Amino acid sequence: MKTTRRAFLTTLAVTTAIPTLAAKPAKQMVAHHVFFWLKNPGSIVDRDKLIEGLKGLKKIKTIRLLHVGIPADTEKRPVVDNSFSVSELMIFDDIEGQNTYQEHPIHKKFVEECSPLWEKVIVYDATSV
């Protein structure tokens, strides 16, 4: 039986597409952005202790990226809220990685040791689209 070019290309396309279609859906990265307001906002000692605690979270293996910061001296506009003292942004490969972080002993120790420093915390979690 002679194989035509069209039949060959059709077979190739189908056999290439099947593994792709059968693959698991792509995991969605998770951004975990947390804003902290200190009880003593003028205390550099408290701020630095919180920053040190946040940077220590990088030891948790599921954190792909960790950014710890303070309000930037950017243009004052109505849409900019720079009332927080410290923020942290973490990127995880997926929800499972973020869940692992939440239950990790290093994270729990951070909360135990540093929560007396803050009066308010807001968390924004977002997944990629």
N, C-alpha and C. Protein backbone atom coordinates (compact mmCIF):
# COMPACT_ATOMS: atom_id res chain seq x y z
N MET A 1 0.85 -1.18 0.00
CA MET A 1 0.00 0.00 0.00
C MET A 1 0.89 1.24 0.00
N LYS A 2 0.58 2.14 -0.88
CA LYS A 2 1.36 3.35 -1.01
C LYS A 2 0.78 4.42 -0.10
N THR A 3 1.65 5.07 0.69
CA THR A 3 1.21 6.13 1.59
C THR A 3 1.37 7.47 0.88
N THR A 4 0.30 8.24 0.88
CA THR A 4 0.37 9.56 0.27
C THR A 4 0.91 10.56 1.28
N ARG A 5 1.39 11.64 0.77
CA ARG A 5 1.92 12.69 1.66
C ARG A 5 0.82 13.20 2.59
N ARG A 6 -0.39 13.38 2.05
CA ARG A 6 -1.51 13.87 2.86
C ARG A 6 -1.84 12.89 3.97
N ALA A 7 -1.89 11.60 3.69
CA ALA A 7 -2.18 10.59 4.72
C ALA A 7 -1.09 10.58 5.78
N PHE A 8 0.14 10.68 5.33
CA PHE A 8 1.27 10.71 6.27
C PHE A 8 1.16 11.91 7.21
N LEU A 9 0.89 13.09 6.66
CA LEU A 9 0.79 14.31 7.48
C LEU A 9 -0.40 14.26 8.43
N THR A 10 -1.51 13.70 7.96
CA THR A 10 -2.69 13.55 8.83
C THR A 10 -2.38 12.62 10.00
N THR A 11 -1.77 11.49 9.72
CA THR A 11 -1.39 10.54 10.78
C THR A 11 -0.42 11.19 11.76
N LEU A 12 0.54 11.92 11.24
CA LEU A 12 1.51 12.60 12.08
C LEU A 12 0.83 13.62 12.97
N ALA A 13 -0.09 14.41 12.44
CA ALA A 13 -0.79 15.43 13.22
C ALA A 13 -1.61 14.81 14.33
N VAL A 14 -2.33 13.73 14.02
CA VAL A 14 -3.17 13.06 15.02
C VAL A 14 -2.32 12.44 16.12
N THR A 15 -1.27 11.73 15.76
CA THR A 15 -0.45 11.06 16.78
C THR A 15 0.33 12.07 17.62
N THR A 16 0.61 13.24 17.08
CA THR A 16 1.29 14.28 17.85
C THR A 16 0.30 14.97 18.79
N ALA A 17 -0.93 15.14 18.35
CA ALA A 17 -1.92 15.87 19.16
C ALA A 17 -2.46 15.05 20.32
N ILE A 18 -2.56 13.75 20.19
CA ILE A 18 -3.16 12.92 21.25
C ILE A 18 -2.46 13.09 22.59
N PRO A 19 -1.14 12.97 22.68
CA PRO A 19 -0.52 13.16 24.00
C PRO A 19 -0.76 14.55 24.57
N THR A 20 -0.82 15.56 23.72
CA THR A 20 -1.06 16.92 24.19
C THR A 20 -2.47 17.05 24.74
N LEU A 21 -3.44 16.49 24.04
CA LEU A 21 -4.83 16.57 24.50
C LEU A 21 -5.05 15.76 25.77
N ALA A 22 -4.32 14.68 25.93
CA ALA A 22 -4.50 13.83 27.10
C ALA A 22 -3.73 14.34 28.31
N ALA A 23 -2.84 15.30 28.11
CA ALA A 23 -2.02 15.82 29.21
C ALA A 23 -2.90 16.53 30.24
N LYS A 24 -2.39 16.59 31.46
CA LYS A 24 -3.10 17.30 32.51
C LYS A 24 -3.13 18.79 32.17
N PRO A 25 -4.17 19.49 32.66
CA PRO A 25 -4.21 20.93 32.42
C PRO A 25 -2.98 21.60 33.04
N ALA A 26 -2.52 22.67 32.42
CA ALA A 26 -1.36 23.39 32.94
C ALA A 26 -1.66 23.94 34.33
N LYS A 27 -0.66 23.88 35.20
CA LYS A 27 -0.83 24.45 36.54
C LYS A 27 -0.78 25.96 36.42
N GLN A 28 -1.50 26.61 37.31
CA GLN A 28 -1.56 28.06 37.30
C GLN A 28 -0.74 28.62 38.44
N MET A 29 0.17 29.51 38.11
CA MET A 29 0.98 30.15 39.14
C MET A 29 0.07 30.95 40.07
N VAL A 30 0.53 31.12 41.30
CA VAL A 30 -0.22 31.88 42.30
C VAL A 30 0.67 32.99 42.83
N ALA A 31 0.14 34.21 42.80
CA ALA A 31 0.81 35.36 43.42
C ALA A 31 0.14 35.60 44.78
N HIS A 32 0.97 35.69 45.81
CA HIS A 32 0.50 35.88 47.19
C HIS A 32 1.11 37.20 47.66
N HIS A 33 0.28 38.26 47.71
CA HIS A 33 0.76 39.59 48.07
C HIS A 33 0.15 39.99 49.40
N VAL A 34 1.01 40.30 50.36
CA VAL A 34 0.56 40.61 51.72
C VAL A 34 1.06 41.99 52.11
N PHE A 35 0.18 42.76 52.71
CA PHE A 35 0.51 44.10 53.19
C PHE A 35 0.36 44.12 54.71
N PHE A 36 1.36 44.70 55.38
CA PHE A 36 1.40 44.75 56.84
C PHE A 36 1.40 46.21 57.30
N TRP A 37 0.59 46.49 58.32
CA TRP A 37 0.61 47.77 59.00
C TRP A 37 1.12 47.50 60.42
N LEU A 38 2.21 48.15 60.78
CA LEU A 38 2.81 47.93 62.10
C LEU A 38 2.00 48.61 63.20
N LYS A 39 2.04 48.01 64.40
CA LYS A 39 1.44 48.66 65.57
C LYS A 39 2.17 49.96 65.89
N ASN A 40 3.49 49.94 65.70
CA ASN A 40 4.32 51.13 65.92
C ASN A 40 4.94 51.53 64.58
N PRO A 41 4.18 52.23 63.73
CA PRO A 41 4.65 52.50 62.37
C PRO A 41 5.95 53.31 62.30
N GLY A 42 6.27 54.04 63.33
CA GLY A 42 7.51 54.83 63.33
C GLY A 42 8.73 54.06 63.79
N SER A 43 8.54 52.80 64.22
CA SER A 43 9.64 52.01 64.76
C SER A 43 10.42 51.31 63.66
N ILE A 44 11.65 51.76 63.43
CA ILE A 44 12.52 51.12 62.45
C ILE A 44 12.92 49.73 62.95
N VAL A 45 13.06 49.58 64.27
CA VAL A 45 13.42 48.28 64.86
C VAL A 45 12.33 47.26 64.56
N ASP A 46 11.06 47.62 64.77
CA ASP A 46 9.94 46.71 64.48
C ASP A 46 9.87 46.41 62.99
N ARG A 47 10.03 47.43 62.16
CA ARG A 47 9.98 47.24 60.71
C ARG A 47 11.08 46.27 60.26
N ASP A 48 12.29 46.49 60.76
CA ASP A 48 13.41 45.64 60.35
C ASP A 48 13.25 44.20 60.85
N LYS A 49 12.64 44.03 62.03
CA LYS A 49 12.40 42.68 62.55
C LYS A 49 11.39 41.96 61.65
N LEU A 50 10.35 42.66 61.22
CA LEU A 50 9.36 42.07 60.32
C LEU A 50 10.01 41.73 58.97
N ILE A 51 10.81 42.62 58.45
CA ILE A 51 11.49 42.37 57.17
C ILE A 51 12.39 41.15 57.29
N GLU A 52 13.14 41.05 58.37
CA GLU A 52 14.02 39.89 58.58
C GLU A 52 13.21 38.60 58.64
N GLY A 53 12.08 38.64 59.35
CA GLY A 53 11.20 37.46 59.42
C GLY A 53 10.67 37.06 58.07
N LEU A 54 10.25 38.05 57.28
CA LEU A 54 9.73 37.77 55.94
C LEU A 54 10.80 37.16 55.04
N LYS A 55 11.99 37.71 55.09
CA LYS A 55 13.08 37.18 54.26
C LYS A 55 13.44 35.75 54.65
N GLY A 56 13.23 35.39 55.91
CA GLY A 56 13.49 34.03 56.37
C GLY A 56 12.54 33.00 55.77
N LEU A 57 11.39 33.46 55.26
CA LEU A 57 10.42 32.55 54.65
C LEU A 57 10.95 31.95 53.35
N LYS A 58 11.97 32.56 52.76
CA LYS A 58 12.54 32.08 51.49
C LYS A 58 13.06 30.64 51.62
N LYS A 59 13.29 30.17 52.83
CA LYS A 59 13.77 28.80 53.04
C LYS A 59 12.71 27.76 52.67
N ILE A 60 11.46 28.20 52.53
CA ILE A 60 10.38 27.28 52.16
C ILE A 60 10.49 27.01 50.66
N LYS A 61 10.68 25.76 50.31
CA LYS A 61 11.04 25.36 48.94
C LYS A 61 9.98 25.67 47.88
N THR A 62 8.71 25.78 48.27
CA THR A 62 7.68 26.02 47.25
C THR A 62 7.60 27.48 46.82
N ILE A 63 8.32 28.37 47.50
CA ILE A 63 8.34 29.79 47.10
C ILE A 63 9.30 29.94 45.93
N ARG A 64 8.78 30.35 44.78
CA ARG A 64 9.62 30.52 43.59
C ARG A 64 10.25 31.91 43.55
N LEU A 65 9.55 32.92 44.07
CA LEU A 65 10.05 34.28 44.10
C LEU A 65 9.56 34.92 45.38
N LEU A 66 10.44 35.69 46.02
CA LEU A 66 10.05 36.43 47.22
C LEU A 66 10.56 37.85 47.06
N HIS A 67 9.65 38.81 47.17
CA HIS A 67 10.01 40.23 47.16
C HIS A 67 9.46 40.84 48.44
N VAL A 68 10.34 41.43 49.23
CA VAL A 68 9.94 42.12 50.45
C VAL A 68 10.24 43.59 50.24
N GLY A 69 9.28 44.45 50.55
CA GLY A 69 9.49 45.87 50.30
C GLY A 69 8.76 46.78 51.27
N ILE A 70 9.07 48.05 51.14
CA ILE A 70 8.41 49.12 51.88
C ILE A 70 7.80 50.06 50.85
N PRO A 71 6.91 50.96 51.27
CA PRO A 71 6.28 51.84 50.28
C PRO A 71 7.32 52.62 49.47
N ALA A 72 7.12 52.63 48.17
CA ALA A 72 8.01 53.35 47.27
C ALA A 72 7.67 54.84 47.31
N ASP A 73 8.65 55.66 47.08
CA ASP A 73 8.45 57.11 47.05
C ASP A 73 8.04 57.52 45.64
N THR A 74 6.87 57.02 45.24
CA THR A 74 6.36 57.33 43.90
C THR A 74 5.39 58.50 43.98
N GLU A 75 4.98 58.95 42.82
CA GLU A 75 4.04 60.07 42.72
C GLU A 75 2.78 59.78 43.54
N LYS A 76 2.34 60.76 44.28
CA LYS A 76 1.11 60.63 45.09
C LYS A 76 -0.09 60.81 44.16
N ARG A 77 -0.90 59.74 44.07
CA ARG A 77 -2.10 59.76 43.24
C ARG A 77 -3.23 59.12 44.04
N PRO A 78 -4.47 59.45 43.73
CA PRO A 78 -5.60 58.88 44.48
C PRO A 78 -5.66 57.35 44.45
N VAL A 79 -5.13 56.72 43.41
CA VAL A 79 -5.21 55.26 43.29
C VAL A 79 -4.07 54.54 44.02
N VAL A 80 -3.11 55.29 44.56
CA VAL A 80 -1.95 54.68 45.22
C VAL A 80 -2.17 54.68 46.73
N ASP A 81 -2.11 53.50 47.32
CA ASP A 81 -2.20 53.36 48.78
C ASP A 81 -0.81 52.99 49.30
N ASN A 82 -0.16 53.93 49.92
CA ASN A 82 1.15 53.65 50.50
C ASN A 82 1.11 53.76 52.02
N SER A 83 -0.04 53.45 52.59
CA SER A 83 -0.22 53.55 54.04
C SER A 83 0.35 52.36 54.79
N PHE A 84 0.71 51.29 54.09
CA PHE A 84 1.24 50.09 54.74
C PHE A 84 2.69 50.32 55.15
N SER A 85 3.19 49.46 56.03
CA SER A 85 4.57 49.56 56.51
C SER A 85 5.52 48.68 55.70
N VAL A 86 5.11 47.44 55.44
CA VAL A 86 5.94 46.46 54.74
C VAL A 86 5.01 45.60 53.89
N SER A 87 5.53 45.16 52.74
CA SER A 87 4.77 44.20 51.92
C SER A 87 5.67 43.05 51.52
N GLU A 88 5.03 41.95 51.19
CA GLU A 88 5.77 40.82 50.62
C GLU A 88 4.94 40.25 49.48
N LEU A 89 5.67 39.89 48.43
CA LEU A 89 5.05 39.25 47.27
C LEU A 89 5.75 37.92 47.05
N MET A 90 4.97 36.86 47.02
CA MET A 90 5.51 35.53 46.76
C MET A 90 4.85 34.97 45.51
N ILE A 91 5.62 34.21 44.75
CA ILE A 91 5.09 33.51 43.58
C ILE A 91 5.27 32.02 43.82
N PHE A 92 4.20 31.28 43.60
CA PHE A 92 4.20 29.82 43.73
C PHE A 92 3.86 29.21 42.38
N ASP A 93 4.34 27.99 42.13
CA ASP A 93 4.03 27.30 40.88
C ASP A 93 2.54 27.00 40.75
N ASP A 94 1.88 26.78 41.90
CA ASP A 94 0.48 26.35 41.87
C ASP A 94 -0.13 26.48 43.26
N ILE A 95 -1.42 26.19 43.35
CA ILE A 95 -2.15 26.27 44.63
C ILE A 95 -1.55 25.32 45.66
N GLU A 96 -1.14 24.14 45.22
CA GLU A 96 -0.56 23.16 46.16
C GLU A 96 0.69 23.74 46.82
N GLY A 97 1.51 24.44 46.05
CA GLY A 97 2.70 25.08 46.61
C GLY A 97 2.36 26.14 47.62
N GLN A 98 1.31 26.90 47.35
CA GLN A 98 0.88 27.93 48.29
C GLN A 98 0.30 27.29 49.55
N ASN A 99 -0.44 26.20 49.39
CA ASN A 99 -0.98 25.48 50.55
C ASN A 99 0.13 24.91 51.42
N THR A 100 1.17 24.36 50.78
CA THR A 100 2.32 23.83 51.52
C THR A 100 2.96 24.94 52.34
N TYR A 101 3.13 26.10 51.73
CA TYR A 101 3.70 27.27 52.42
C TYR A 101 2.87 27.62 53.66
N GLN A 102 1.55 27.67 53.51
CA GLN A 102 0.68 28.07 54.61
C GLN A 102 0.84 27.16 55.83
N GLU A 103 1.05 25.87 55.59
CA GLU A 103 1.15 24.89 56.68
C GLU A 103 2.59 24.62 57.12
N HIS A 104 3.56 25.23 56.47
CA HIS A 104 4.97 24.95 56.75
C HIS A 104 5.36 25.47 58.15
N PRO A 105 6.16 24.70 58.89
CA PRO A 105 6.60 25.13 60.23
C PRO A 105 7.34 26.47 60.23
N ILE A 106 8.09 26.77 59.19
CA ILE A 106 8.79 28.06 59.13
C ILE A 106 7.79 29.21 59.05
N HIS A 107 6.72 29.03 58.27
CA HIS A 107 5.68 30.06 58.17
C HIS A 107 4.96 30.21 59.50
N LYS A 108 4.63 29.09 60.12
CA LYS A 108 3.92 29.16 61.40
C LYS A 108 4.77 29.84 62.48
N LYS A 109 6.08 29.58 62.46
CA LYS A 109 6.99 30.22 63.42
C LYS A 109 7.07 31.73 63.14
N PHE A 110 7.11 32.10 61.86
CA PHE A 110 7.11 33.52 61.50
C PHE A 110 5.88 34.22 62.06
N VAL A 111 4.70 33.63 61.87
CA VAL A 111 3.46 34.24 62.36
C VAL A 111 3.51 34.37 63.88
N GLU A 112 3.97 33.33 64.54
CA GLU A 112 4.05 33.34 66.00
C GLU A 112 4.98 34.45 66.51
N GLU A 113 6.14 34.59 65.86
CA GLU A 113 7.14 35.55 66.32
C GLU A 113 6.86 36.99 65.88
N CYS A 114 6.27 37.16 64.71
CA CYS A 114 6.14 38.51 64.16
C CYS A 114 4.74 39.11 64.27
N SER A 115 3.71 38.30 64.51
CA SER A 115 2.36 38.86 64.57
C SER A 115 2.17 39.91 65.66
N PRO A 116 2.92 39.87 66.76
CA PRO A 116 2.78 40.96 67.73
C PRO A 116 3.22 42.32 67.18
N LEU A 117 3.93 42.33 66.07
CA LEU A 117 4.43 43.59 65.50
C LEU A 117 3.37 44.32 64.68
N TRP A 118 2.41 43.59 64.11
CA TRP A 118 1.46 44.25 63.22
C TRP A 118 0.09 44.40 63.83
N GLU A 119 -0.62 45.45 63.34
CA GLU A 119 -2.00 45.67 63.79
C GLU A 119 -3.00 45.28 62.72
N LYS A 120 -2.53 45.21 61.46
CA LYS A 120 -3.43 44.91 60.35
C LYS A 120 -2.63 44.20 59.26
N VAL A 121 -3.28 43.23 58.63
CA VAL A 121 -2.69 42.51 57.50
C VAL A 121 -3.80 42.34 56.45
N ILE A 122 -3.44 42.59 55.20
CA ILE A 122 -4.35 42.31 54.08
C ILE A 122 -3.61 41.43 53.10
N VAL A 123 -4.29 40.37 52.63
CA VAL A 123 -3.71 39.41 51.70
C VAL A 123 -4.50 39.46 50.40
N TYR A 124 -3.75 39.48 49.28
CA TYR A 124 -4.35 39.36 47.96
C TYR A 124 -3.69 38.15 47.30
N ASP A 125 -4.48 37.15 46.96
CA ASP A 125 -3.99 35.97 46.24
C ASP A 125 -4.60 36.00 44.85
N ALA A 126 -3.76 35.80 43.85
CA ALA A 126 -4.23 35.80 42.46
C ALA A 126 -3.58 34.67 41.71
N THR A 127 -4.34 34.08 40.80
CA THR A 127 -3.81 33.01 39.95
C THR A 127 -3.69 33.53 38.53
N SER A 128 -2.78 32.94 37.78
CA SER A 128 -2.56 33.40 36.41
C SER A 128 -3.74 33.02 35.52
N VAL A 129 -3.93 33.80 34.49
CA VAL A 129 -5.02 33.55 33.54
C VAL A 129 -4.46 33.32 32.15
